[in-house]
Amino acid sequence: MHIAQFQKVIEETYGAKDKKRGIESTFLWFSEEVGELARALNGRTSRENLKLEFADTLAWLTTLASIAGVDLEEVANERYGKGCPRCLGIPCKCEEKRTLAYRCA
C-alpha cells in the first residue's frame, strides 16, 4: 500500500470522528501513541505489540496530516524523495551531532 492509499483508508475510516475531535485533541492521542511506542522500543513488550504500536503511531500521524490538509506522500517525496534533504546522499553523508534533537535537515 502506498502512503496516499493508507491516508485515504484512514480518512475514510476515521475522518468524520477525527475532524470532530479537532487537531489539538488528536495531537494528544498521537502523543500517547508515541509514548506507547517508546515503551515498546524499550523492550517492555512483545514483538507483536511493537509492530502494533508502530502501526498505531503511523495511523495517528496520518490522521493529523489529514486534519491539517497535508498529503503525506507528497511531502515525503518532496522532502526525502532524493535522500537526505541536506546532502542528497543515500546513505546520508552528513556529520551526526550528538543531540537527541538532531535531524540532518
Protein backbone atom coordinates (compact mmCIF):
# COMPACT_ATOMS: atom_id res chain seq x y z
CA MET A 1 0.00 0.00 0.00
CA HIS A 2 1.31 3.46 -0.88
CA ILE A 3 1.26 6.31 1.64
CA ALA A 4 -1.55 8.08 -0.24
CA GLN A 5 -3.65 4.91 -0.21
CA PHE A 6 -3.08 4.48 3.53
CA GLN A 7 -4.02 8.10 4.17
CA LYS A 8 -7.22 7.64 2.16
CA VAL A 9 -8.18 4.49 4.11
CA ILE A 10 -7.57 6.25 7.43
CA GLU A 11 -9.61 9.28 6.28
CA GLU A 12 -12.50 7.11 5.09
CA THR A 13 -12.43 5.04 8.28
CA TYR A 14 -11.94 7.75 10.92
CA GLY A 15 -12.16 11.12 9.12
CA ALA A 16 -15.51 12.27 10.49
CA LYS A 17 -14.53 11.43 14.09
CA ASP A 18 -11.09 12.97 13.63
CA LYS A 19 -12.41 16.28 12.29
CA LYS A 20 -14.97 16.47 15.07
CA ARG A 21 -12.27 15.81 17.69
CA GLY A 22 -10.03 18.51 16.23
CA ILE A 23 -6.31 18.82 15.77
CA GLU A 24 -5.43 19.65 19.39
CA SER A 25 -7.14 16.59 20.89
CA THR A 26 -5.92 14.42 18.04
CA PHE A 27 -2.36 15.54 18.74
CA LEU A 28 -2.78 14.39 22.35
CA TRP A 29 -3.86 10.94 21.10
CA PHE A 30 -0.85 10.88 18.78
CA SER A 31 1.44 11.83 21.68
CA GLU A 32 0.04 8.99 23.75
CA GLU A 33 0.76 6.56 20.90
CA VAL A 34 4.33 7.85 20.63
CA GLY A 35 4.72 7.15 24.36
CA GLU A 36 3.40 3.62 23.91
CA LEU A 37 5.82 3.13 21.01
CA ALA A 38 8.69 4.38 23.18
CA ARG A 39 7.84 1.84 25.87
CA ALA A 40 7.62 -0.91 23.27
CA LEU A 41 11.01 0.08 21.83
CA ASN A 42 12.48 -0.19 25.31
CA GLY A 43 11.74 -3.90 25.16
CA ARG A 44 8.89 -3.79 27.62
CA THR A 45 6.60 -5.68 25.27
CA SER A 46 6.40 -8.46 22.70
CA ARG A 47 7.48 -8.16 19.08
CA GLU A 48 3.82 -8.34 18.03
CA ASN A 49 2.91 -5.43 20.29
CA LEU A 50 5.89 -3.44 18.97
CA LYS A 51 4.53 -3.86 15.45
CA LEU A 52 1.06 -2.76 16.58
CA GLU A 53 2.50 0.35 18.22
CA PHE A 54 4.31 1.31 15.02
CA ALA A 55 1.06 0.87 13.06
CA ASP A 56 -0.98 2.88 15.57
CA THR A 57 1.58 5.69 15.65
CA LEU A 58 1.59 5.84 11.85
CA ALA A 59 -2.21 5.92 11.77
CA TRP A 60 -2.40 8.81 14.25
CA LEU A 61 0.32 10.74 12.38
CA THR A 62 -1.65 10.19 9.20
CA THR A 63 -4.81 11.46 10.90
CA LEU A 64 -3.02 14.63 11.98
CA ALA A 65 -1.80 15.22 8.45
CA SER A 66 -5.30 14.78 7.05
CA ILE A 67 -6.85 17.19 9.54
CA ALA A 68 -4.10 19.71 8.70
CA GLY A 69 -4.70 19.24 4.96
CA VAL A 70 -1.27 17.72 4.30
CA ASP A 71 -0.74 14.99 1.70
CA LEU A 72 1.86 12.77 3.39
CA GLU A 73 3.01 11.05 0.22
CA GLU A 74 3.57 14.39 -1.48
CA VAL A 75 5.55 15.91 1.38
CA ALA A 76 7.56 12.73 1.93
CA ASN A 77 8.55 12.71 -1.73
CA GLU A 78 9.34 16.43 -1.71
CA ARG A 79 11.45 16.24 1.45
CA TYR A 80 13.08 12.80 1.30
CA GLY A 81 12.46 11.52 -2.23
CA LYS A 82 16.08 12.09 -3.27
CA GLY A 83 17.64 11.00 0.01
CA CYS A 84 18.93 13.28 2.73
CA PRO A 85 17.45 16.76 2.16
CA ARG A 86 20.76 18.36 3.17
CA CYS A 87 23.47 16.37 1.40
CA LEU A 88 21.19 14.47 -1.04
CA GLY A 89 23.10 11.35 -0.10
CA ILE A 90 21.78 7.82 0.07
CA PRO A 91 23.02 6.97 2.60
CA CYS A 92 23.29 10.33 4.31
CA LYS A 93 26.83 11.63 4.50
CA CYS A 94 26.14 14.46 6.97
CA GLU A 95 28.18 14.50 10.15
CA GLU A 96 25.92 13.49 13.00
CA LYS A 97 25.79 15.73 16.06
CA ARG A 98 25.42 14.23 19.50
CA THR A 99 21.97 15.51 20.48
CA LEU A 100 18.63 13.78 20.53
CA ALA A 101 17.03 16.68 18.69
CA TYR A 102 19.39 16.42 15.71
CA ARG A 103 17.98 15.75 12.29
CA CYS A 104 20.07 16.20 9.14
CA ALA A 105 17.87 18.80 7.57
